[in-house]
């Protein structure tokens, strides 16, 4: 009988795959915007706006969470701020605890 991989490893790999897909999508978007003849600063501003918005979402999620996995909340905040957006992806894939299904209306 084969042993199941640890849940943390599965979550970490899922987060890494999400990170790679996001990077590929952003690079594709930048390449597309450059072919349109737009100013070179526009893709950079777009990527920065997406990163700030994603970090804001992750920080708000950490603030609302009753508890998080593996680290203290303040440690996840530091990771999200220092490693934007990879820190947020890692928080959502590893540290985030989903809502309780019995509390559907809240």
PDB file of N, CA and C in Angstrom:
ATOM      1  N   UNK A   1       0.844  -1.174   0.000  1.00  0.00           N
ATOM      2  CA  UNK A   1       0.000   0.000   0.000  1.00  0.00           C
ATOM      3  C   UNK A   1       0.885   1.232   0.000  1.00  0.00           C
ATOM      4  N   UNK A   2       0.568   2.172  -0.835  1.00  0.00           N
ATOM      5  CA  UNK A   2       1.365   3.374  -1.003  1.00  0.00           C
ATOM      6  C   UNK A   2       0.936   4.444  -0.014  1.00  0.00           C
ATOM      7  N   UNK A   3       1.913   5.108   0.598  1.00  0.00           N
ATOM      8  CA  UNK A   3       1.606   6.161   1.569  1.00  0.00           C
ATOM      9  C   UNK A   3       1.261   7.452   0.831  1.00  0.00           C
ATOM     10  N   UNK A   4       0.320   8.202   1.377  1.00  0.00           N
ATOM     11  CA  UNK A   4      -0.041   9.498   0.806  1.00  0.00           C
ATOM     12  C   UNK A   4       1.012  10.527   1.157  1.00  0.00           C
ATOM     13  N   UNK A   5       1.310  11.456   0.249  1.00  0.00           N
ATOM     14  CA  UNK A   5       2.288  12.493   0.589  1.00  0.00           C
ATOM     15  C   UNK A   5       1.720  13.408   1.673  1.00  0.00           C
ATOM     16  N   UNK A   6       2.594  13.999   2.467  1.00  0.00           N
ATOM     17  CA  UNK A   6       2.113  14.900   3.520  1.00  0.00           C
ATOM     18  C   UNK A   6       1.317  16.062   2.931  1.00  0.00           C
ATOM     19  N   UNK A   7       0.330  16.495   3.682  1.00  0.00           N
ATOM     20  CA  UNK A   7      -0.536  17.577   3.206  1.00  0.00           C
ATOM     21  C   UNK A   7       0.250  18.856   2.949  1.00  0.00           C
ATOM     22  N   UNK A   8       1.240  19.149   3.774  1.00  0.00           N
ATOM     23  CA  UNK A   8       2.033  20.361   3.596  1.00  0.00           C
ATOM     24  C   UNK A   8       2.771  20.344   2.267  1.00  0.00           C
ATOM     25  N   UNK A   9       3.338  19.216   1.900  1.00  0.00           N
ATOM     26  CA  UNK A   9       4.065  19.118   0.636  1.00  0.00           C
ATOM     27  C   UNK A   9       3.123  19.319  -0.553  1.00  0.00           C
ATOM     28  N   UNK A  10       1.950  18.749  -0.482  1.00  0.00           N
ATOM     29  CA  UNK A  10       0.981  18.906  -1.562  1.00  0.00           C
ATOM     30  C   UNK A  10       0.565  20.364  -1.684  1.00  0.00           C
ATOM     31  N   UNK A  11       0.314  21.007  -0.566  1.00  0.00           N
ATOM     32  CA  UNK A  11      -0.067  22.422  -0.588  1.00  0.00           C
ATOM     33  C   UNK A  11       1.060  23.297  -1.114  1.00  0.00           C
ATOM     34  N   UNK A  12       2.296  23.000  -0.732  1.00  0.00           N
ATOM     35  CA  UNK A  12       3.445  23.782  -1.191  1.00  0.00           C
ATOM     36  C   UNK A  12       3.636  23.641  -2.700  1.00  0.00           C
ATOM     37  N   UNK A  13       3.494  22.437  -3.219  1.00  0.00           N
ATOM     38  CA  UNK A  13       3.628  22.223  -4.663  1.00  0.00           C
ATOM     39  C   UNK A  13       2.507  22.935  -5.403  1.00  0.00           C
ATOM     40  N   UNK A  14       1.299  22.876  -4.867  1.00  0.00           N
ATOM     41  CA  UNK A  14       0.170  23.583  -5.491  1.00  0.00           C
ATOM     42  C   UNK A  14       0.437  25.084  -5.523  1.00  0.00           C
ATOM     43  N   UNK A  15       0.957  25.627  -4.432  1.00  0.00           N
ATOM     44  CA  UNK A  15       1.288  27.045  -4.392  1.00  0.00           C
ATOM     45  C   UNK A  15       2.372  27.412  -5.388  1.00  0.00           C
ATOM     46  N   UNK A  16       3.383  26.562  -5.529  1.00  0.00           N
ATOM     47  CA  UNK A  16       4.449  26.803  -6.493  1.00  0.00           C
ATOM     48  C   UNK A  16       3.920  26.768  -7.918  1.00  0.00           C
ATOM     49  N   UNK A  17       3.035  25.834  -8.211  1.00  0.00           N
ATOM     50  CA  UNK A  17       2.442  25.773  -9.548  1.00  0.00           C
ATOM     51  C   UNK A  17       1.599  27.017  -9.840  1.00  0.00           C
ATOM     52  N   UNK A  18       0.867  27.482  -8.846  1.00  0.00           N
ATOM     53  CA  UNK A  18       0.090  28.713  -9.027  1.00  0.00           C
ATOM     54  C   UNK A  18       1.029  29.873  -9.309  1.00  0.00           C
ATOM     55  N   UNK A  19       2.136  29.940  -8.573  1.00  0.00           N
ATOM     56  CA  UNK A  19       3.122  30.993  -8.764  1.00  0.00           C
ATOM     57  C   UNK A  19       3.659  30.967 -10.205  1.00  0.00           C
ATOM     58  N   UNK A  20       3.993  29.787 -10.712  1.00  0.00           N
ATOM     59  CA  UNK A  20       4.518  29.678 -12.066  1.00  0.00           C
ATOM     60  C   UNK A  20       3.486  30.101 -13.110  1.00  0.00           C
ATOM     61  N   UNK A  21       2.241  29.735 -12.907  1.00  0.00           N
ATOM     62  CA  UNK A  21       1.178  30.135 -13.835  1.00  0.00           C
ATOM     63  C   UNK A  21       0.993  31.647 -13.811  1.00  0.00           C
ATOM     64  N   UNK A  22       1.031  32.246 -12.633  1.00  0.00           N
ATOM     65  CA  UNK A  22       0.879  33.698 -12.518  1.00  0.00           C
ATOM     66  C   UNK A  22       2.031  34.405 -13.216  1.00  0.00           C
ATOM     67  N   UNK A  23       3.250  33.941 -12.992  1.00  0.00           N
ATOM     68  CA  UNK A  23       4.412  34.559 -13.634  1.00  0.00           C
ATOM     69  C   UNK A  23       4.303  34.450 -15.153  1.00  0.00           C
ATOM     70  N   UNK A  24       3.923  33.284 -15.657  1.00  0.00           N
ATOM     71  CA  UNK A  24       3.779  33.099 -17.101  1.00  0.00           C
ATOM     72  C   UNK A  24       2.690  34.017 -17.661  1.00  0.00           C
ATOM     73  N   UNK A  25       1.586  34.145 -16.945  1.00  0.00           N
ATOM     74  CA  UNK A  25       0.502  35.017 -17.405  1.00  0.00           C
ATOM     75  C   UNK A  25       0.929  36.478 -17.414  1.00  0.00           C
ATOM     76  N   UNK A  26       1.648  36.903 -16.397  1.00  0.00           N
ATOM     77  CA  UNK A  26       2.100  38.296 -16.339  1.00  0.00           C
ATOM     78  C   UNK A  26       3.105  38.571 -17.446  1.00  0.00           C
ATOM     79  N   UNK A  27       4.044  37.652 -17.667  1.00  0.00           N
ATOM     80  CA  UNK A  27       5.019  37.852 -18.740  1.00  0.00           C
ATOM     81  C   UNK A  27       4.332  37.874 -20.106  1.00  0.00           C
ATOM     82  N   UNK A  28       3.333  37.027 -20.299  1.00  0.00           N
ATOM     83  CA  UNK A  28       2.569  37.050 -21.542  1.00  0.00           C
ATOM     84  C   UNK A  28       1.815  38.357 -21.723  1.00  0.00           C
ATOM     85  N   UNK A  29       1.246  38.859 -20.645  1.00  0.00           N
ATOM     86  CA  UNK A  29       0.526  40.137 -20.703  1.00  0.00           C
ATOM     87  C   UNK A  29       1.481  41.282 -21.027  1.00  0.00           C
ATOM     88  N   UNK A  30       2.656  41.263 -20.422  1.00  0.00           N
ATOM     89  CA  UNK A  30       3.641  42.310 -20.707  1.00  0.00           C
ATOM     90  C   UNK A  30       4.060  42.252 -22.181  1.00  0.00           C
ATOM     91  N   UNK A  31       4.304  41.054 -22.681  1.00  0.00           N
ATOM     92  CA  UNK A  31       4.684  40.911 -24.093  1.00  0.00           C
ATOM     93  C   UNK A  31       3.566  41.406 -25.004  1.00  0.00           C
ATOM     94  N   UNK A  32       2.320  41.093 -24.666  1.00  0.00           N
ATOM     95  CA  UNK A  32       1.183  41.539 -25.468  1.00  0.00           C
ATOM     96  C   UNK A  32       1.057  43.059 -25.457  1.00  0.00           C
ATOM     97  N   UNK A  33       1.220  43.665 -24.288  1.00  0.00           N
ATOM     98  CA  UNK A  33       1.114  45.116 -24.198  1.00  0.00           C
ATOM     99  C   UNK A  33       2.246  45.810 -24.945  1.00  0.00           C
ATOM    100  N   UNK A  34       3.412  45.218 -24.970  1.00  0.00           N
ATOM    101  CA  UNK A  34       4.536  45.825 -25.695  1.00  0.00           C
ATOM    102  C   UNK A  34       4.318  45.782 -27.201  1.00  0.00           C
ATOM    103  N   UNK A  35       3.641  44.757 -27.690  1.00  0.00           N
ATOM    104  CA  UNK A  35       3.393  44.682 -29.132  1.00  0.00           C
ATOM    105  C   UNK A  35       2.350  45.701 -29.570  1.00  0.00           C
ATOM    106  N   UNK A  36       1.566  46.208 -28.629  1.00  0.00           N
ATOM    107  CA  UNK A  36       0.529  47.191 -28.957  1.00  0.00           C
ATOM    108  C   UNK A  36       1.073  48.615 -29.049  1.00  0.00           C
ATOM    109  N   UNK A  37       2.350  48.791 -28.748  1.00  0.00           N
ATOM    110  CA  UNK A  37       2.949  50.123 -28.852  1.00  0.00           C
ATOM    111  C   UNK A  37       2.628  51.041 -27.688  1.00  0.00           C
ATOM    112  N   UNK A  38       2.224  50.470 -26.572  1.00  0.00           N
ATOM    113  CA  UNK A  38       1.932  51.286 -25.392  1.00  0.00           C
ATOM    114  C   UNK A  38       3.226  51.689 -24.702  1.00  0.00           C
ATOM    115  N   UNK A  39       3.190  52.718 -23.870  1.00  0.00           N
ATOM    116  CA  UNK A  39       4.408  53.129 -23.170  1.00  0.00           C
ATOM    117  C   UNK A  39       4.976  51.984 -22.326  1.00  0.00           C
ATOM    118  N   UNK A  40       6.303  51.873 -22.244  1.00  0.00           N
ATOM    119  CA  UNK A  40       6.903  50.752 -21.503  1.00  0.00           C
ATOM    120  C   UNK A  40       6.581  50.763 -20.013  1.00  0.00           C
ATOM    121  N   UNK A  41       6.224  51.891 -19.472  1.00  0.00           N
ATOM    122  CA  UNK A  41       5.922  51.947 -18.037  1.00  0.00           C
ATOM    123  C   UNK A  41       4.540  51.379 -17.709  1.00  0.00           C
ATOM    124  N   UNK A  42       3.661  51.278 -18.678  1.00  0.00           N
ATOM    125  CA  UNK A  42       2.303  50.794 -18.418  1.00  0.00           C
ATOM    126  C   UNK A  42       2.279  49.348 -17.911  1.00  0.00           C
ATOM    127  N   UNK A  43       2.995  48.407 -18.543  1.00  0.00           N
ATOM    128  CA  UNK A  43       2.978  47.040 -17.992  1.00  0.00           C
ATOM    129  C   UNK A  43       3.550  46.965 -16.580  1.00  0.00           C
ATOM    130  N   UNK A  44       4.574  47.747 -16.322  1.00  0.00           N
ATOM    131  CA  UNK A  44       5.166  47.746 -14.977  1.00  0.00           C
ATOM    132  C   UNK A  44       4.152  48.256 -13.962  1.00  0.00           C
ATOM    133  N   UNK A  45       3.452  49.320 -14.302  1.00  0.00           N
ATOM    134  CA  UNK A  45       2.438  49.871 -13.396  1.00  0.00           C
ATOM    135  C   UNK A  45       1.298  48.874 -13.199  1.00  0.00           C
ATOM    136  N   UNK A  46       0.924  48.163 -14.253  1.00  0.00           N
ATOM    137  CA  UNK A  46      -0.140  47.167 -14.155  1.00  0.00           C
ATOM    138  C   UNK A  46       0.269  46.026 -13.227  1.00  0.00           C
ATOM    139  N   UNK A  47       1.493  45.533 -13.386  1.00  0.00           N
ATOM    140  CA  UNK A  47       1.978  44.451 -12.539  1.00  0.00           C
ATOM    141  C   UNK A  47       2.065  44.913 -11.082  1.00  0.00           C
ATOM    142  N   UNK A  48       2.551  46.123 -10.852  1.00  0.00           N
ATOM    143  CA  UNK A  48       2.624  46.640  -9.482  1.00  0.00           C
ATOM    144  C   UNK A  48       1.231  46.796  -8.871  1.00  0.00           C
ATOM    145  N   UNK A  49       0.270  47.257  -9.657  1.00  0.00           N
ATOM    146  CA  UNK A  49      -1.093  47.401  -9.147  1.00  0.00           C
ATOM    147  C   UNK A  49      -1.692  46.035  -8.796  1.00  0.00           C
ATOM    148  N   UNK A  50      -1.439  45.032  -9.623  1.00  0.00           N
ATOM    149  CA  UNK A  50      -1.930  43.684  -9.323  1.00  0.00           C
ATOM    150  C   UNK A  50      -1.274  43.128  -8.069  1.00  0.00           C
ATOM    151  N   UNK A  51       0.021  43.354  -7.910  1.00  0.00           N
ATOM    152  CA  UNK A  51       0.734  42.845  -6.733  1.00  0.00           C
ATOM    153  C   UNK A  51       0.239  43.527  -5.461  1.00  0.00           C
ATOM    154  N   UNK A  52       0.030  44.828  -5.512  1.00  0.00           N
ATOM    155  CA  UNK A  52      -0.470  45.549  -4.341  1.00  0.00           C
ATOM    156  C   UNK A  52      -1.891  45.104  -4.000  1.00  0.00           C
ATOM    157  N   UNK A  53      -2.729  44.936  -5.008  1.00  0.00           N
ATOM    158  CA  UNK A  53      -4.090  44.464  -4.760  1.00  0.00           C
ATOM    159  C   UNK A  53      -4.122  43.058  -4.177  1.00  0.00           C
ATOM    160  N   UNK A  54      -3.276  42.183  -4.685  1.00  0.00           N
ATOM    161  CA  UNK A  54      -3.214  40.813  -4.177  1.00  0.00           C
ATOM    162  C   UNK A  54      -2.700  40.802  -2.745  1.00  0.00           C
ATOM    163  N   UNK A  55      -1.671  41.600  -2.466  1.00  0.00           N
ATOM    164  CA  UNK A  55      -1.169  41.683  -1.091  1.00  0.00           C
ATOM    165  C   UNK A  55      -2.231  42.237  -0.146  1.00  0.00           C
ATOM    166  N   UNK A  56      -2.984  43.231  -0.603  1.00  0.00           N
ATOM    167  CA  UNK A  56      -4.061  43.764   0.221  1.00  0.00           C
ATOM    168  C   UNK A  56      -5.107  42.713   0.526  1.00  0.00           C
ATOM    169  N   UNK A  57      -5.449  41.897  -0.479  1.00  0.00           N
ATOM    170  CA  UNK A  57      -6.397  40.812  -0.270  1.00  0.00           C
ATOM    171  C   UNK A  57      -5.874  39.820   0.760  1.00  0.00           C
ATOM    172  N   UNK A  58      -4.592  39.430   0.633  1.00  0.00           N
ATOM    173  CA  UNK A  58      -4.008  38.466   1.567  1.00  0.00           C
ATOM    174  C   UNK A  58      -3.944  39.032   2.986  1.00  0.00           C
ATOM    175  N   UNK A  59      -3.562  40.295   3.118  1.00  0.00           N
ATOM    176  CA  UNK A  59      -3.490  40.910   4.446  1.00  0.00           C
ATOM    177  C   UNK A  59      -4.873  41.008   5.080  1.00  0.00           C
ATOM    178  N   UNK A  60      -5.879  41.348   4.293  1.00  0.00           N
ATOM    179  CA  UNK A  60      -7.242  41.392   4.820  1.00  0.00           C
ATOM    180  C   UNK A  60      -7.706  40.002   5.242  1.00  0.00           C
ATOM    181  N   UNK A  61      -7.339  38.980   4.483  1.00  0.00           N
ATOM    182  CA  UNK A  61      -7.710  37.614   4.830  1.00  0.00           C
ATOM    183  C   UNK A  61      -7.030  37.181   6.124  1.00  0.00           C
ATOM    184  N   UNK A  62      -5.772  37.552   6.289  1.00  0.00           N
ATOM    185  CA  UNK A  62      -5.064  37.223   7.527  1.00  0.00           C
ATOM    186  C   UNK A  62      -5.716  37.935   8.712  1.00  0.00           C
ATOM    187  N   UNK A  63      -6.086  39.188   8.530  1.00  0.00           N
ATOM    188  CA  UNK A  63      -6.695  39.957   9.623  1.00  0.00           C
ATOM    189  C   UNK A  63      -8.050  39.373  10.031  1.00  0.00           C
ATOM    190  N   UNK A  64      -8.823  38.860   9.073  1.00  0.00           N
ATOM    191  CA  UNK A  64     -10.145  38.302   9.382  1.00  0.00           C
ATOM    192  C   UNK A  64     -10.098  36.887   9.914  1.00  0.00           C
ATOM    193  N   UNK A  65      -9.002  36.186   9.666  1.00  0.00           N
ATOM    194  CA  UNK A  65      -8.913  34.769  10.040  1.00  0.00           C
ATOM    195  C   UNK A  65      -8.869  34.608  11.558  1.00  0.00           C
ATOM    196  N   UNK A  66      -9.625  33.657  12.050  1.00  0.00           N
ATOM    197  CA  UNK A  66      -9.589  33.352  13.474  1.00  0.00           C
ATOM    198  C   UNK A  66      -8.254  32.708  13.839  1.00  0.00           C
ATOM    199  N   UNK A  67      -7.746  31.862  12.950  1.00  0.00           N
ATOM    200  CA  UNK A  67      -6.438  31.249  13.138  1.00  0.00           C
ATOM    201  C   UNK A  67      -5.877  30.863  11.783  1.00  0.00           C
ATOM    202  N   UNK A  68      -4.552  30.711  11.737  1.00  0.00           N
ATOM    203  CA  UNK A  68      -3.857  30.321  10.520  1.00  0.00           C
ATOM    204  C   UNK A  68      -2.975  29.111  10.831  1.00  0.00           C
ATOM    205  N   UNK A  69      -2.499  28.454   9.783  1.00  0.00           N
ATOM    206  CA  UNK A  69      -1.672  27.250   9.957  1.00  0.00           C
ATOM    207  C   UNK A  69      -0.190  27.598  10.034  1.00  0.00           C
ATOM    208  N   UNK A  70       0.533  26.793  10.801  1.00  0.00           N
ATOM    209  CA  UNK A  70       1.988  26.680  10.819  1.00  0.00           C
ATOM    210  C   UNK A  70       2.748  27.872  11.393  1.00  0.00           C
ATOM    211  N   UNK A  71       2.300  29.102  11.240  1.00  0.00           N
ATOM    212  CA  UNK A  71       3.011  30.272  11.749  1.00  0.00           C
ATOM    213  C   UNK A  71       2.018  31.201  12.441  1.00  0.00           C
ATOM    214  N   UNK A  72       2.548  32.173  13.175  1.00  0.00           N
ATOM    215  CA  UNK A  72       1.690  33.194  13.767  1.00  0.00           C
ATOM    216  C   UNK A  72       1.195  34.126  12.663  1.00  0.00           C
ATOM    217  N   UNK A  73       0.111  34.825  12.944  1.00  0.00           N
ATOM    218  CA  UNK A  73      -0.437  35.760  11.955  1.00  0.00           C
ATOM    219  C   UNK A  73       0.585  36.821  11.560  1.00  0.00           C
ATOM    220  N   UNK A  74       1.292  37.383  12.538  1.00  0.00           N
ATOM    221  CA  UNK A  74       2.230  38.455  12.233  1.00  0.00           C
ATOM    222  C   UNK A  74       3.372  37.954  11.350  1.00  0.00           C
ATOM    223  N   UNK A  75       3.723  36.689  11.466  1.00  0.00           N
ATOM    224  CA  UNK A  75       4.769  36.130  10.602  1.00  0.00           C
ATOM    225  C   UNK A  75       4.265  36.007   9.158  1.00  0.00           C
ATOM    226  N   UNK A  76       2.996  35.601   8.999  1.00  0.00           N
ATOM    227  CA  UNK A  76       2.431  35.537   7.654  1.00  0.00           C
ATOM    228  C   UNK A  76       2.349  36.931   7.042  1.00  0.00           C
ATOM    229  N   UNK A  77       2.030  37.946   7.858  1.00  0.00           N
ATOM    230  CA  UNK A  77       1.977  39.323   7.346  1.00  0.00           C
ATOM    231  C   UNK A  77       3.340  39.737   6.817  1.00  0.00           C
ATOM    232  N   UNK A  78       4.397  39.450   7.580  1.00  0.00           N
ATOM    233  CA  UNK A  78       5.749  39.813   7.143  1.00  0.00           C
ATOM    234  C   UNK A  78       6.116  39.075   5.862  1.00  0.00           C
ATOM    235  N   UNK A  79       5.804  37.782   5.805  1.00  0.00           N
ATOM    236  CA  UNK A  79       6.114  36.997   4.607  1.00  0.00           C
ATOM    237  C   UNK A  79       5.366  37.561   3.398  1.00  0.00           C
ATOM    238  N   UNK A  80       4.095  37.905   3.570  1.00  0.00           N
ATOM    239  CA  UNK A  80       3.308  38.450   2.459  1.00  0.00           C
ATOM    240  C   UNK A  80       3.865  39.788   1.983  1.00  0.00           C
ATOM    241  N   UNK A  81       4.320  40.621   2.907  1.00  0.00           N
ATOM    242  CA  UNK A  81       4.828  41.929   2.520  1.00  0.00           C
ATOM    243  C   UNK A  81       6.220  41.851   1.890  1.00  0.00           C
ATOM    244  N   UNK A  82       7.069  40.979   2.403  1.00  0.00           N
ATOM    245  CA  UNK A  82       8.444  40.908   1.914  1.00  0.00           C
ATOM    246  C   UNK A  82       8.533  40.131   0.605  1.00  0.00           C
ATOM    247  N   UNK A  83       7.755  39.097   0.470  1.00  0.00           N
ATOM    248  CA  UNK A  83       7.832  38.223  -0.699  1.00  0.00           C
ATOM    249  C   UNK A  83       6.610  38.375  -1.606  1.00  0.00           C
ATOM    250  N   UNK A  84       6.258  39.603  -1.931  1.00  0.00           N
ATOM    251  CA  UNK A  84       5.087  39.827  -2.778  1.00  0.00           C
ATOM    252  C   UNK A  84       5.377  39.361  -4.194  1.00  0.00           C
ATOM    253  N   UNK A  85       4.504  38.684  -4.851  1.00  0.00           N
ATOM    254  CA  UNK A  85       3.265  38.046  -4.439  1.00  0.00           C
ATOM    255  C   UNK A  85       3.450  36.595  -4.007  1.00  0.00           C
ATOM    256  N   UNK A  86       4.689  36.086  -4.043  1.00  0.00           N
ATOM    257  CA  UNK A  86       4.911  34.686  -3.667  1.00  0.00           C
ATOM    258  C   UNK A  86       4.498  34.420  -2.220  1.00  0.00           C
ATOM    259  N   UNK A  87       4.724  35.371  -1.324  1.00  0.00           N
ATOM    260  CA  UNK A  87       4.323  35.192   0.069  1.00  0.00           C
ATOM    261  C   UNK A  87       2.821  35.027   0.212  1.00  0.00           C
ATOM    262  N   UNK A  88       2.064  35.795  -0.550  1.00  0.00           N
ATOM    263  CA  UNK A  88       0.609  35.671  -0.523  1.00  0.00           C
ATOM    264  C   UNK A  88       0.138  34.339  -1.078  1.00  0.00           C
ATOM    265  N   UNK A  89       0.782  33.893  -2.144  1.00  0.00           N
ATOM    266  CA  UNK A  89       0.413  32.599  -2.711  1.00  0.00           C
ATOM    267  C   UNK A  89       0.721  31.489  -1.719  1.00  0.00           C
ATOM    268  N   UNK A  90       1.874  31.577  -1.055  1.00  0.00           N
ATOM    269  CA  UNK A  90       2.221  30.555  -0.074  1.00  0.00           C
ATOM    270  C   UNK A  90       1.257  30.599   1.115  1.00  0.00           C
ATOM    271  N   UNK A  91       0.864  31.809   1.542  1.00  0.00           N
ATOM    272  CA  UNK A  91      -0.108  31.894   2.631  1.00  0.00           C
ATOM    273  C   UNK A  91      -1.419  31.235   2.234  1.00  0.00           C
ATOM    274  N   UNK A  92      -1.925  31.568   1.048  1.00  0.00           N
ATOM    275  CA  UNK A  92      -3.217  31.016   0.636  1.00  0.00           C
ATOM    276  C   UNK A  92      -3.160  29.507   0.424  1.00  0.00           C
ATOM    277  N   UNK A  93      -2.006  28.982  -0.005  1.00  0.00           N
ATOM    278  CA  UNK A  93      -1.928  27.546  -0.250  1.00  0.00           C
ATOM    279  C   UNK A  93      -1.518  26.751   0.986  1.00  0.00           C
ATOM    280  N   UNK A  94      -0.780  27.359   1.920  1.00  0.00           N
ATOM    281  CA  UNK A  94      -0.305  26.620   3.091  1.00  0.00           C
ATOM    282  C   UNK A  94      -0.944  27.107   4.387  1.00  0.00           C
ATOM    283  N   UNK A  95      -0.941  28.404   4.627  1.00  0.00           N
ATOM    284  CA  UNK A  95      -1.347  28.924   5.930  1.00  0.00           C
ATOM    285  C   UNK A  95      -2.827  29.203   6.097  1.00  0.00           C
ATOM    286  N   UNK A  96      -3.540  29.366   5.009  1.00  0.00           N
ATOM    287  CA  UNK A  96      -4.960  29.719   5.068  1.00  0.00           C
ATOM    288  C   UNK A  96      -5.799  28.523   5.514  1.00  0.00           C
ATOM    289  N   UNK A  97      -6.678  28.762   6.455  1.00  0.00           N
ATOM    290  CA  UNK A  97      -7.648  27.749   6.865  1.00  0.00           C
ATOM    291  C   UNK A  97      -8.987  28.182   6.292  1.00  0.00           C
ATOM    292  N   UNK A  98      -9.593  27.324   5.499  1.00  0.00           N
ATOM    293  CA  UNK A  98     -10.857  27.676   4.850  1.00  0.00           C
ATOM    294  C   UNK A  98     -11.983  27.845   5.850  1.00  0.00           C
ATOM    295  N   UNK A  99     -13.072  28.369   5.348  1.00  0.00           N
ATOM    296  CA  UNK A  99     -14.251  28.564   6.195  1.00  0.00           C
ATOM    297  C   UNK A  99     -14.815  27.222   6.636  1.00  0.00           C
ATOM    298  N   UNK A 100     -15.459  27.239   7.780  1.00  0.00           N
ATOM    299  CA  UNK A 100     -16.132  26.054   8.289  1.00  0.00           C
ATOM    300  C   UNK A 100     -17.396  25.817   7.461  1.00  0.00           C
ATOM    301  N   UNK A 101     -17.517  24.646   6.818  1.00  0.00           N
ATOM    302  CA  UNK A 101     -18.682  24.407   5.968  1.00  0.00           C
ATOM    303  C   UNK A 101     -20.010  24.457   6.731  1.00  0.00           C
ATOM    304  N   UNK A 102     -19.992  24.257   8.043  1.00  0.00           N
ATOM    305  CA  UNK A 102     -21.236  24.307   8.792  1.00  0.00           C
ATOM    306  C   UNK A 102     -21.725  25.752   8.975  1.00  0.00           C
ATOM    307  N   UNK A 103     -20.862  26.753   8.707  1.00  0.00           N
ATOM    308  CA  UNK A 103     -21.233  28.164   8.842  1.00  0.00           C
ATOM    309  C   UNK A 103     -21.428  28.775   7.473  1.00  0.00           C
ATOM    310  N   UNK A 104     -22.316  28.205   6.673  1.00  0.00           N
ATOM    311  CA  UNK A 104     -22.492  28.631   5.297  1.00  0.00           C
ATOM    312  C   UNK A 104     -23.042  30.039   5.153  1.00  0.00           C
ATOM    313  N   UNK A 105     -23.906  30.477   6.002  1.00  0.00           N
ATOM    314  CA  UNK A 105     -24.555  31.765   5.860  1.00  0.00           C
ATOM    315  C   UNK A 105     -23.688  32.954   6.250  1.00  0.00           C
ATOM    316  N   UNK A 106     -22.578  32.746   6.920  1.00  0.00           N
ATOM    317  CA  UNK A 106     -21.752  33.848   7.422  1.00  0.00           C
ATOM    318  C   UNK A 106     -20.662  34.229   6.479  1.00  0.00           C
TER     319      UNK A 106
END
